[in-house]
Amino acid sequence: MSTETTSGLHWFWRLSPAQASAALSCDLNGLGDPDAEQRLQRYGRNADSPSHAVGPLRAVLRRLLEPLSLILLVAGIISMATGDVIGGAIIVLILTLSIGLDTIQEGHAVKAAEVLRRSVALKAEVKRAGAYCEIDVDRVVPGDILRVRAGDIVPADALIIESKAFTAGEAALTGEPYPVTKQAGMPSDE
């Protein structure tokens, strides 16, 4: 979602469902499709910023400018300049091969991660026009009512309206190893 904050929602977790609905100009029956589409246009997709591709030349330069690479390159050049041409050439050749292989492996890893990201397209259950339907996570907008079930990934920052035995694993965010109990009307820790 965009970094734009809706007025009055900077601290949305402190609001009651009625106050949050009023601030978002929606109600607890969910959004209509036209309203959801307008919000998607206004706030943008509920997704990370797309990663920018780094070209091979830039990737090689980044690795070459690392301290250890610079030390090895200087050592190789000094070795060659002081008469040990073979030793210096070996150092530079090994550095070149290392940087080349590292760059190739990173390129393959980035492509594999992108394929995996596309194959694991997450879905979210939202209430639209009074009924729950499944949509892509990146189409969740402010004001959507979400239904989260056991094992689901929570697709966006949200205010809990109703829950039954709801715990959330927050290890990726806070390092807390055990699931944390969540319930409606329970303010988050600051």
N, C-alpha and C. Protein backbone atom coordinates (compact mmCIF):
# COMPACT_ATOMS: atom_id res chain seq x y z
N MET A 1 0.85 -1.18 0.00
CA MET A 1 0.00 0.00 0.00
C MET A 1 0.88 1.23 0.00
N SER A 2 0.31 2.31 -0.40
CA SER A 2 1.11 3.52 -0.44
C SER A 2 1.41 4.00 0.97
N THR A 3 2.40 4.87 1.08
CA THR A 3 2.77 5.38 2.39
C THR A 3 1.83 6.49 2.85
N GLU A 4 0.92 6.88 1.96
CA GLU A 4 -0.06 7.92 2.34
C GLU A 4 -0.93 7.37 3.47
N THR A 5 -1.12 8.16 4.50
CA THR A 5 -1.99 7.71 5.58
C THR A 5 -3.33 8.41 5.46
N THR A 6 -4.38 7.67 5.71
CA THR A 6 -5.71 8.24 5.69
C THR A 6 -5.87 9.07 6.96
N SER A 7 -6.47 10.24 6.85
CA SER A 7 -6.58 11.12 8.01
C SER A 7 -7.21 10.39 9.18
N GLY A 8 -6.59 10.53 10.34
CA GLY A 8 -7.14 9.94 11.56
C GLY A 8 -6.79 8.47 11.74
N LEU A 9 -6.08 7.85 10.80
CA LEU A 9 -5.80 6.42 10.91
C LEU A 9 -4.33 6.11 11.21
N HIS A 10 -3.57 7.12 11.56
CA HIS A 10 -2.17 6.86 11.85
C HIS A 10 -2.05 5.87 13.01
N TRP A 11 -2.94 5.92 13.95
CA TRP A 11 -2.96 5.01 15.10
C TRP A 11 -4.22 4.15 15.04
N PHE A 12 -4.49 3.53 13.90
CA PHE A 12 -5.76 2.83 13.68
C PHE A 12 -6.04 1.74 14.71
N TRP A 13 -5.02 1.12 15.27
CA TRP A 13 -5.24 0.02 16.22
C TRP A 13 -5.82 0.50 17.54
N ARG A 14 -5.84 1.80 17.76
CA ARG A 14 -6.44 2.35 18.98
C ARG A 14 -7.91 2.70 18.79
N LEU A 15 -8.40 2.60 17.58
CA LEU A 15 -9.78 2.98 17.28
C LEU A 15 -10.72 1.79 17.44
N SER A 16 -11.96 2.09 17.74
CA SER A 16 -12.98 1.05 17.75
C SER A 16 -13.33 0.75 16.29
N PRO A 17 -13.96 -0.40 16.02
CA PRO A 17 -14.36 -0.68 14.64
C PRO A 17 -15.25 0.42 14.05
N ALA A 18 -16.15 0.98 14.86
CA ALA A 18 -17.02 2.05 14.36
C ALA A 18 -16.22 3.30 14.01
N GLN A 19 -15.23 3.65 14.85
CA GLN A 19 -14.40 4.82 14.57
C GLN A 19 -13.54 4.60 13.32
N ALA A 20 -12.96 3.41 13.19
CA ALA A 20 -12.14 3.10 12.01
C ALA A 20 -12.99 3.13 10.75
N SER A 21 -14.20 2.57 10.82
CA SER A 21 -15.10 2.60 9.67
C SER A 21 -15.45 4.02 9.27
N ALA A 22 -15.72 4.87 10.27
CA ALA A 22 -16.05 6.27 9.98
C ALA A 22 -14.86 6.98 9.33
N ALA A 23 -13.67 6.74 9.86
CA ALA A 23 -12.47 7.39 9.31
C ALA A 23 -12.18 6.92 7.88
N LEU A 24 -12.54 5.67 7.58
CA LEU A 24 -12.31 5.12 6.24
C LEU A 24 -13.50 5.30 5.30
N SER A 25 -14.57 5.92 5.78
CA SER A 25 -15.79 6.13 4.98
C SER A 25 -16.31 4.80 4.43
N CYS A 26 -16.45 3.84 5.32
CA CYS A 26 -17.01 2.53 4.93
C CYS A 26 -17.84 2.01 6.10
N ASP A 27 -18.39 0.83 5.93
CA ASP A 27 -19.12 0.23 7.05
C ASP A 27 -18.66 -1.21 7.23
N LEU A 28 -19.24 -1.90 8.19
CA LEU A 28 -18.79 -3.25 8.53
C LEU A 28 -19.39 -4.32 7.62
N ASN A 29 -20.09 -3.91 6.56
CA ASN A 29 -20.62 -4.87 5.58
C ASN A 29 -19.67 -5.05 4.41
N GLY A 30 -18.52 -4.39 4.47
CA GLY A 30 -17.54 -4.53 3.39
C GLY A 30 -17.73 -3.44 2.34
N LEU A 31 -16.80 -3.39 1.43
CA LEU A 31 -16.83 -2.40 0.36
C LEU A 31 -17.56 -2.95 -0.86
N GLY A 32 -18.08 -2.05 -1.65
CA GLY A 32 -18.61 -2.44 -2.95
C GLY A 32 -17.46 -2.50 -3.94
N ASP A 33 -17.63 -3.22 -5.04
CA ASP A 33 -16.56 -3.34 -6.03
C ASP A 33 -16.11 -1.99 -6.60
N PRO A 34 -17.03 -1.07 -6.94
CA PRO A 34 -16.57 0.22 -7.46
C PRO A 34 -15.75 1.00 -6.42
N ASP A 35 -16.18 0.98 -5.16
CA ASP A 35 -15.46 1.68 -4.10
C ASP A 35 -14.08 1.05 -3.90
N ALA A 36 -14.01 -0.28 -3.92
CA ALA A 36 -12.73 -0.97 -3.75
C ALA A 36 -11.79 -0.61 -4.90
N GLU A 37 -12.31 -0.53 -6.11
CA GLU A 37 -11.48 -0.18 -7.26
C GLU A 37 -10.96 1.26 -7.15
N GLN A 38 -11.80 2.17 -6.68
CA GLN A 38 -11.36 3.56 -6.48
C GLN A 38 -10.26 3.63 -5.42
N ARG A 39 -10.42 2.87 -4.36
CA ARG A 39 -9.40 2.86 -3.30
C ARG A 39 -8.10 2.24 -3.80
N LEU A 40 -8.21 1.23 -4.64
CA LEU A 40 -7.01 0.62 -5.21
C LEU A 40 -6.26 1.65 -6.06
N GLN A 41 -6.99 2.44 -6.83
CA GLN A 41 -6.36 3.49 -7.63
C GLN A 41 -5.73 4.56 -6.73
N ARG A 42 -6.42 4.91 -5.65
CA ARG A 42 -5.94 5.98 -4.76
C ARG A 42 -4.72 5.55 -3.95
N TYR A 43 -4.78 4.37 -3.32
CA TYR A 43 -3.74 3.94 -2.39
C TYR A 43 -2.68 3.03 -3.02
N GLY A 44 -2.98 2.46 -4.16
CA GLY A 44 -2.04 1.56 -4.80
C GLY A 44 -2.20 0.13 -4.31
N ARG A 45 -1.42 -0.73 -4.88
CA ARG A 45 -1.49 -2.16 -4.55
C ARG A 45 -0.89 -2.44 -3.17
N ASN A 46 -1.41 -3.46 -2.52
CA ASN A 46 -0.95 -3.92 -1.22
C ASN A 46 0.23 -4.88 -1.47
N ALA A 47 1.35 -4.29 -1.88
CA ALA A 47 2.51 -5.11 -2.24
C ALA A 47 3.80 -4.33 -1.96
N ASP A 48 4.87 -5.08 -1.86
CA ASP A 48 6.18 -4.46 -1.71
C ASP A 48 6.51 -3.70 -2.97
N SER A 49 7.40 -2.76 -2.85
CA SER A 49 7.89 -2.06 -4.04
C SER A 49 8.61 -3.07 -4.92
N PRO A 50 8.40 -2.98 -6.22
CA PRO A 50 9.09 -3.94 -7.09
C PRO A 50 10.60 -3.76 -6.98
N SER A 51 11.29 -4.88 -6.96
CA SER A 51 12.74 -4.80 -6.87
C SER A 51 13.30 -4.38 -8.23
N HIS A 52 14.30 -3.55 -8.18
CA HIS A 52 14.91 -3.11 -9.43
C HIS A 52 16.01 -4.10 -9.81
N ALA A 53 16.02 -4.45 -11.08
CA ALA A 53 17.02 -5.40 -11.57
C ALA A 53 18.38 -4.70 -11.64
N VAL A 54 19.39 -5.40 -11.19
CA VAL A 54 20.75 -4.88 -11.24
C VAL A 54 21.43 -5.56 -12.42
N GLY A 55 21.97 -4.76 -13.32
CA GLY A 55 22.66 -5.30 -14.48
C GLY A 55 23.94 -6.03 -14.09
N PRO A 56 24.43 -6.88 -14.98
CA PRO A 56 25.64 -7.66 -14.68
C PRO A 56 26.87 -6.77 -14.41
N LEU A 57 27.02 -5.68 -15.15
CA LEU A 57 28.17 -4.81 -14.95
C LEU A 57 28.15 -4.18 -13.56
N ARG A 58 26.98 -3.72 -13.14
CA ARG A 58 26.85 -3.13 -11.81
C ARG A 58 27.09 -4.17 -10.72
N ALA A 59 26.60 -5.41 -10.93
CA ALA A 59 26.81 -6.47 -9.95
C ALA A 59 28.31 -6.80 -9.83
N VAL A 60 29.02 -6.84 -10.95
CA VAL A 60 30.46 -7.11 -10.92
C VAL A 60 31.19 -5.98 -10.21
N LEU A 61 30.83 -4.72 -10.54
CA LEU A 61 31.49 -3.59 -9.90
C LEU A 61 31.26 -3.56 -8.39
N ARG A 62 30.03 -3.90 -7.98
CA ARG A 62 29.72 -3.93 -6.54
C ARG A 62 30.61 -4.95 -5.82
N ARG A 63 30.80 -6.11 -6.44
CA ARG A 63 31.64 -7.13 -5.82
C ARG A 63 33.12 -6.73 -5.86
N LEU A 64 33.53 -6.09 -6.93
CA LEU A 64 34.92 -5.68 -7.07
C LEU A 64 35.28 -4.60 -6.06
N LEU A 65 34.30 -3.78 -5.68
CA LEU A 65 34.57 -2.70 -4.73
C LEU A 65 34.44 -3.12 -3.27
N GLU A 66 34.20 -4.40 -3.01
CA GLU A 66 34.19 -4.89 -1.64
C GLU A 66 35.62 -4.87 -1.11
N PRO A 67 35.80 -4.60 0.19
CA PRO A 67 37.16 -4.48 0.75
C PRO A 67 38.08 -5.67 0.46
N LEU A 68 37.61 -6.88 0.64
CA LEU A 68 38.46 -8.05 0.42
C LEU A 68 38.86 -8.16 -1.05
N SER A 69 37.93 -7.88 -1.95
CA SER A 69 38.25 -7.92 -3.38
C SER A 69 39.30 -6.88 -3.73
N LEU A 70 39.16 -5.67 -3.17
CA LEU A 70 40.15 -4.62 -3.44
C LEU A 70 41.52 -5.01 -2.90
N ILE A 71 41.55 -5.61 -1.72
CA ILE A 71 42.84 -6.04 -1.14
C ILE A 71 43.49 -7.09 -2.03
N LEU A 72 42.71 -8.06 -2.49
CA LEU A 72 43.27 -9.10 -3.36
C LEU A 72 43.74 -8.53 -4.69
N LEU A 73 42.97 -7.60 -5.25
CA LEU A 73 43.35 -6.99 -6.52
C LEU A 73 44.66 -6.20 -6.37
N VAL A 74 44.75 -5.41 -5.31
CA VAL A 74 45.98 -4.65 -5.06
C VAL A 74 47.15 -5.60 -4.82
N ALA A 75 46.92 -6.68 -4.06
CA ALA A 75 47.99 -7.66 -3.81
C ALA A 75 48.45 -8.29 -5.11
N GLY A 76 47.53 -8.61 -5.99
CA GLY A 76 47.89 -9.20 -7.29
C GLY A 76 48.69 -8.23 -8.13
N ILE A 77 48.26 -6.97 -8.17
CA ILE A 77 48.97 -5.95 -8.96
C ILE A 77 50.36 -5.71 -8.38
N ILE A 78 50.48 -5.62 -7.07
CA ILE A 78 51.79 -5.42 -6.44
C ILE A 78 52.71 -6.61 -6.72
N SER A 79 52.15 -7.82 -6.65
CA SER A 79 52.95 -9.03 -6.94
C SER A 79 53.49 -8.97 -8.37
N MET A 80 52.64 -8.61 -9.30
CA MET A 80 53.08 -8.53 -10.70
C MET A 80 54.11 -7.41 -10.88
N ALA A 81 53.90 -6.27 -10.21
CA ALA A 81 54.81 -5.13 -10.34
C ALA A 81 56.17 -5.41 -9.73
N THR A 82 56.23 -6.28 -8.73
CA THR A 82 57.51 -6.58 -8.07
C THR A 82 58.19 -7.80 -8.67
N GLY A 83 57.69 -8.30 -9.79
CA GLY A 83 58.39 -9.38 -10.48
C GLY A 83 57.73 -10.74 -10.38
N ASP A 84 56.77 -10.93 -9.49
CA ASP A 84 56.09 -12.23 -9.38
C ASP A 84 54.85 -12.21 -10.25
N VAL A 85 55.07 -12.22 -11.57
CA VAL A 85 53.98 -12.10 -12.52
C VAL A 85 53.02 -13.29 -12.43
N ILE A 86 53.55 -14.47 -12.29
CA ILE A 86 52.70 -15.67 -12.23
C ILE A 86 51.84 -15.64 -10.96
N GLY A 87 52.42 -15.37 -9.81
CA GLY A 87 51.68 -15.31 -8.54
C GLY A 87 50.61 -14.23 -8.59
N GLY A 88 50.96 -13.05 -9.09
CA GLY A 88 49.99 -11.96 -9.19
C GLY A 88 48.86 -12.29 -10.15
N ALA A 89 49.22 -12.93 -11.28
CA ALA A 89 48.20 -13.31 -12.27
C ALA A 89 47.23 -14.34 -11.69
N ILE A 90 47.77 -15.26 -10.89
CA ILE A 90 46.91 -16.28 -10.26
C ILE A 90 45.93 -15.62 -9.30
N ILE A 91 46.41 -14.66 -8.51
CA ILE A 91 45.53 -13.96 -7.57
C ILE A 91 44.42 -13.24 -8.32
N VAL A 92 44.78 -12.51 -9.38
CA VAL A 92 43.79 -11.77 -10.16
C VAL A 92 42.83 -12.72 -10.87
N LEU A 93 43.34 -13.85 -11.40
CA LEU A 93 42.49 -14.82 -12.08
C LEU A 93 41.48 -15.44 -11.11
N ILE A 94 41.94 -15.82 -9.92
CA ILE A 94 41.03 -16.40 -8.92
C ILE A 94 39.98 -15.37 -8.51
N LEU A 95 40.38 -14.12 -8.32
CA LEU A 95 39.43 -13.06 -7.97
C LEU A 95 38.40 -12.89 -9.08
N THR A 96 38.85 -12.88 -10.32
CA THR A 96 37.95 -12.72 -11.47
C THR A 96 36.95 -13.88 -11.54
N LEU A 97 37.44 -15.11 -11.38
CA LEU A 97 36.54 -16.28 -11.41
C LEU A 97 35.54 -16.23 -10.26
N SER A 98 36.01 -15.85 -9.08
CA SER A 98 35.12 -15.77 -7.92
C SER A 98 34.01 -14.75 -8.13
N ILE A 99 34.38 -13.57 -8.62
CA ILE A 99 33.37 -12.53 -8.86
C ILE A 99 32.41 -12.97 -9.97
N GLY A 100 32.92 -13.58 -11.01
CA GLY A 100 32.07 -14.05 -12.11
C GLY A 100 31.07 -15.11 -11.65
N LEU A 101 31.56 -16.11 -10.92
CA LEU A 101 30.67 -17.17 -10.43
C LEU A 101 29.63 -16.62 -9.46
N ASP A 102 30.05 -15.73 -8.58
CA ASP A 102 29.13 -15.12 -7.61
C ASP A 102 28.03 -14.34 -8.33
N THR A 103 28.40 -13.60 -9.36
CA THR A 103 27.43 -12.82 -10.13
C THR A 103 26.43 -13.73 -10.84
N ILE A 104 26.93 -14.81 -11.44
CA ILE A 104 26.06 -15.76 -12.14
C ILE A 104 25.10 -16.42 -11.15
N GLN A 105 25.62 -16.87 -10.01
CA GLN A 105 24.77 -17.52 -9.00
C GLN A 105 23.70 -16.57 -8.47
N GLU A 106 24.07 -15.33 -8.24
CA GLU A 106 23.08 -14.37 -7.76
C GLU A 106 21.99 -14.15 -8.80
N GLY A 107 22.36 -14.07 -10.06
CA GLY A 107 21.38 -13.91 -11.14
C GLY A 107 20.39 -15.07 -11.17
N HIS A 108 20.90 -16.29 -11.04
CA HIS A 108 20.02 -17.47 -11.01
C HIS A 108 19.11 -17.44 -9.78
N ALA A 109 19.66 -17.05 -8.63
CA ALA A 109 18.87 -17.00 -7.40
C ALA A 109 17.75 -15.97 -7.50
N VAL A 110 18.04 -14.80 -8.09
CA VAL A 110 17.02 -13.76 -8.24
C VAL A 110 15.91 -14.25 -9.15
N LYS A 111 16.26 -14.91 -10.25
CA LYS A 111 15.24 -15.44 -11.17
C LYS A 111 14.40 -16.52 -10.50
N ALA A 112 15.05 -17.41 -9.74
CA ALA A 112 14.32 -18.47 -9.03
C ALA A 112 13.38 -17.89 -7.99
N ALA A 113 13.84 -16.86 -7.27
CA ALA A 113 12.99 -16.23 -6.25
C ALA A 113 11.78 -15.56 -6.90
N GLU A 114 11.95 -14.96 -8.06
CA GLU A 114 10.83 -14.32 -8.75
C GLU A 114 9.82 -15.36 -9.23
N VAL A 115 10.30 -16.48 -9.75
CA VAL A 115 9.40 -17.56 -10.18
C VAL A 115 8.63 -18.09 -8.97
N LEU A 116 9.32 -18.28 -7.85
CA LEU A 116 8.67 -18.77 -6.64
C LEU A 116 7.64 -17.77 -6.14
N ARG A 117 7.98 -16.48 -6.15
CA ARG A 117 7.04 -15.45 -5.70
C ARG A 117 5.78 -15.47 -6.54
N ARG A 118 5.91 -15.64 -7.85
CA ARG A 118 4.73 -15.67 -8.71
C ARG A 118 3.91 -16.95 -8.52
N SER A 119 4.59 -18.06 -8.20
CA SER A 119 3.87 -19.32 -8.05
C SER A 119 3.13 -19.41 -6.72
N VAL A 120 3.52 -18.59 -5.75
CA VAL A 120 2.90 -18.62 -4.43
C VAL A 120 2.03 -17.38 -4.27
N ALA A 121 1.30 -17.03 -5.31
CA ALA A 121 0.44 -15.85 -5.24
C ALA A 121 -0.58 -16.06 -4.13
N LEU A 122 -0.53 -15.20 -3.12
CA LEU A 122 -1.40 -15.33 -1.97
C LEU A 122 -2.78 -14.76 -2.26
N LYS A 123 -3.76 -15.35 -1.64
CA LYS A 123 -5.14 -14.90 -1.75
C LYS A 123 -5.62 -14.43 -0.39
N ALA A 124 -6.61 -13.56 -0.39
CA ALA A 124 -7.21 -13.07 0.85
C ALA A 124 -8.72 -13.15 0.69
N GLU A 125 -9.40 -13.42 1.80
CA GLU A 125 -10.86 -13.42 1.81
C GLU A 125 -11.32 -12.06 2.31
N VAL A 126 -12.03 -11.32 1.48
CA VAL A 126 -12.54 -10.01 1.86
C VAL A 126 -14.05 -9.98 1.69
N LYS A 127 -14.68 -9.08 2.45
CA LYS A 127 -16.12 -8.93 2.36
C LYS A 127 -16.40 -7.80 1.37
N ARG A 128 -16.97 -8.16 0.25
CA ARG A 128 -17.33 -7.18 -0.78
C ARG A 128 -18.83 -7.30 -1.02
N ALA A 129 -19.50 -6.17 -0.94
CA ALA A 129 -20.95 -6.10 -1.15
C ALA A 129 -21.68 -7.08 -0.23
N GLY A 130 -21.20 -7.24 1.01
CA GLY A 130 -21.88 -8.05 2.00
C GLY A 130 -21.55 -9.53 1.97
N ALA A 131 -20.75 -10.00 1.02
CA ALA A 131 -20.41 -11.42 0.93
C ALA A 131 -18.89 -11.59 0.83
N TYR A 132 -18.39 -12.66 1.42
CA TYR A 132 -16.95 -12.91 1.36
C TYR A 132 -16.57 -13.50 0.00
N CYS A 133 -15.46 -13.01 -0.54
CA CYS A 133 -14.94 -13.55 -1.79
C CYS A 133 -13.42 -13.56 -1.70
N GLU A 134 -12.79 -14.33 -2.56
CA GLU A 134 -11.35 -14.46 -2.55
C GLU A 134 -10.75 -13.56 -3.62
N ILE A 135 -9.74 -12.77 -3.22
CA ILE A 135 -9.05 -11.89 -4.16
C ILE A 135 -7.55 -12.03 -3.95
N ASP A 136 -6.77 -11.53 -4.90
CA ASP A 136 -5.32 -11.50 -4.73
C ASP A 136 -4.98 -10.55 -3.59
N VAL A 137 -3.99 -10.89 -2.80
CA VAL A 137 -3.59 -10.08 -1.65
C VAL A 137 -3.24 -8.65 -2.06
N ASP A 138 -2.66 -8.49 -3.23
CA ASP A 138 -2.26 -7.14 -3.62
C ASP A 138 -3.44 -6.24 -3.97
N ARG A 139 -4.65 -6.77 -3.97
CA ARG A 139 -5.84 -5.97 -4.24
C ARG A 139 -6.61 -5.61 -2.97
N VAL A 140 -6.08 -5.97 -1.79
CA VAL A 140 -6.68 -5.58 -0.51
C VAL A 140 -6.46 -4.07 -0.34
N VAL A 141 -7.52 -3.36 0.04
CA VAL A 141 -7.44 -1.90 0.19
C VAL A 141 -7.90 -1.48 1.57
N PRO A 142 -7.56 -0.25 2.00
CA PRO A 142 -8.06 0.25 3.27
C PRO A 142 -9.59 0.24 3.29
N GLY A 143 -10.17 -0.32 4.34
CA GLY A 143 -11.62 -0.42 4.45
C GLY A 143 -12.15 -1.82 4.19
N ASP A 144 -11.31 -2.70 3.62
CA ASP A 144 -11.74 -4.08 3.40
C ASP A 144 -11.90 -4.80 4.73
N ILE A 145 -12.92 -5.63 4.82
CA ILE A 145 -13.14 -6.51 5.96
C ILE A 145 -12.52 -7.85 5.56
N LEU A 146 -11.56 -8.33 6.35
CA LEU A 146 -10.85 -9.57 6.05
C LEU A 146 -11.37 -10.71 6.92
N ARG A 147 -11.38 -11.90 6.36
CA ARG A 147 -11.62 -13.09 7.17
C ARG A 147 -10.33 -13.90 7.14
N VAL A 148 -9.78 -14.15 8.33
CA VAL A 148 -8.53 -14.89 8.44
C VAL A 148 -8.82 -16.18 9.18
N ARG A 149 -8.38 -17.28 8.62
CA ARG A 149 -8.61 -18.60 9.23
C ARG A 149 -7.28 -19.20 9.67
N ALA A 150 -7.35 -20.30 10.39
CA ALA A 150 -6.15 -20.96 10.90
C ALA A 150 -5.18 -21.25 9.75
N GLY A 151 -3.94 -20.85 9.95
CA GLY A 151 -2.90 -21.09 8.96
C GLY A 151 -2.75 -20.00 7.91
N ASP A 152 -3.69 -19.06 7.85
CA ASP A 152 -3.61 -17.97 6.87
C ASP A 152 -2.53 -16.98 7.26
N ILE A 153 -2.00 -16.33 6.25
CA ILE A 153 -1.10 -15.21 6.48
C ILE A 153 -1.96 -13.96 6.49
N VAL A 154 -1.80 -13.12 7.52
CA VAL A 154 -2.58 -11.88 7.60
C VAL A 154 -2.07 -10.97 6.47
N PRO A 155 -2.94 -10.59 5.53
CA PRO A 155 -2.48 -9.93 4.31
C PRO A 155 -2.20 -8.43 4.43
N ALA A 156 -2.53 -7.81 5.54
CA ALA A 156 -2.31 -6.36 5.67
C ALA A 156 -2.46 -5.97 7.13
N ASP A 157 -2.05 -4.74 7.46
CA ASP A 157 -2.33 -4.21 8.79
C ASP A 157 -3.84 -4.19 8.95
N ALA A 158 -4.32 -4.60 10.10
CA ALA A 158 -5.76 -4.70 10.25
C ALA A 158 -6.16 -4.49 11.70
N LEU A 159 -7.41 -4.13 11.88
CA LEU A 159 -8.03 -3.98 13.18
C LEU A 159 -8.91 -5.22 13.38
N ILE A 160 -8.78 -5.89 14.51
CA ILE A 160 -9.58 -7.09 14.76
C ILE A 160 -10.96 -6.68 15.21
N ILE A 161 -11.96 -7.11 14.46
CA ILE A 161 -13.35 -6.79 14.78
C ILE A 161 -13.96 -7.91 15.61
N GLU A 162 -13.62 -9.15 15.25
CA GLU A 162 -14.18 -10.31 15.94
C GLU A 162 -13.15 -11.43 15.84
N SER A 163 -12.99 -12.21 16.91
CA SER A 163 -12.05 -13.33 16.86
C SER A 163 -12.49 -14.45 17.78
N LYS A 164 -12.06 -15.65 17.42
CA LYS A 164 -12.29 -16.83 18.25
C LYS A 164 -10.97 -17.59 18.31
N ALA A 165 -10.34 -17.64 19.48
CA ALA A 165 -9.07 -18.37 19.68
C ALA A 165 -8.04 -17.98 18.63
N PHE A 166 -7.82 -16.69 18.47
CA PHE A 166 -6.92 -16.16 17.44
C PHE A 166 -5.53 -15.89 18.04
N THR A 167 -4.54 -16.57 17.49
CA THR A 167 -3.15 -16.28 17.85
C THR A 167 -2.40 -15.99 16.56
N ALA A 168 -1.40 -15.15 16.67
CA ALA A 168 -0.61 -14.78 15.49
C ALA A 168 0.86 -15.01 15.78
N GLY A 169 1.53 -15.69 14.86
CA GLY A 169 2.97 -15.86 14.94
C GLY A 169 3.64 -14.58 14.46
N GLU A 170 4.39 -13.93 15.34
CA GLU A 170 5.01 -12.65 15.01
C GLU A 170 6.53 -12.74 14.98
N ALA A 171 7.07 -13.95 14.90
CA ALA A 171 8.52 -14.14 14.97
C ALA A 171 9.26 -13.33 13.92
N ALA A 172 8.72 -13.26 12.71
CA ALA A 172 9.40 -12.52 11.64
C ALA A 172 9.47 -11.03 11.93
N LEU A 173 8.50 -10.51 12.69
CA LEU A 173 8.47 -9.08 12.99
C LEU A 173 9.15 -8.73 14.29
N THR A 174 8.89 -9.53 15.33
CA THR A 174 9.35 -9.15 16.67
C THR A 174 10.37 -10.11 17.27
N GLY A 175 10.50 -11.30 16.69
CA GLY A 175 11.40 -12.30 17.26
C GLY A 175 10.74 -13.14 18.32
N GLU A 176 9.50 -12.81 18.69
CA GLU A 176 8.76 -13.58 19.71
C GLU A 176 8.55 -14.99 19.18
N PRO A 177 9.07 -16.02 19.90
CA PRO A 177 9.00 -17.38 19.36
C PRO A 177 7.63 -18.05 19.47
N TYR A 178 6.77 -17.54 20.33
CA TYR A 178 5.48 -18.17 20.54
C TYR A 178 4.37 -17.30 19.96
N PRO A 179 3.30 -17.94 19.46
CA PRO A 179 2.17 -17.16 18.95
C PRO A 179 1.58 -16.25 20.04
N VAL A 180 1.14 -15.08 19.63
CA VAL A 180 0.59 -14.08 20.54
C VAL A 180 -0.93 -14.07 20.38
N THR A 181 -1.65 -14.11 21.51
CA THR A 181 -3.11 -14.08 21.48
C THR A 181 -3.60 -12.71 21.03
N LYS A 182 -4.54 -12.70 20.12
CA LYS A 182 -5.14 -11.46 19.63
C LYS A 182 -6.65 -11.56 19.83
N GLN A 183 -7.25 -10.43 20.15
CA GLN A 183 -8.70 -10.43 20.30
C GLN A 183 -9.24 -9.04 19.97
N ALA A 184 -10.50 -8.97 19.70
CA ALA A 184 -11.13 -7.69 19.38
C ALA A 184 -11.02 -6.74 20.56
N GLY A 185 -10.77 -5.47 20.27
CA GLY A 185 -10.70 -4.47 21.33
C GLY A 185 -9.43 -4.49 22.13
N MET A 186 -8.46 -5.28 21.72
CA MET A 186 -7.20 -5.40 22.46
C MET A 186 -6.17 -4.48 21.80
N PRO A 187 -5.78 -3.40 22.46
CA PRO A 187 -4.79 -2.51 21.85
C PRO A 187 -3.44 -3.19 21.74
N SER A 188 -2.70 -2.84 20.68
CA SER A 188 -1.36 -3.37 20.49
C SER A 188 -0.40 -2.71 21.46
N ASP A 189 0.66 -3.43 21.80
CA ASP A 189 1.72 -2.85 22.62
C ASP A 189 2.45 -1.81 21.79
N GLU A 190 2.98 -0.81 22.45
CA GLU A 190 3.73 0.22 21.71
C GLU A 190 5.20 -0.03 21.80
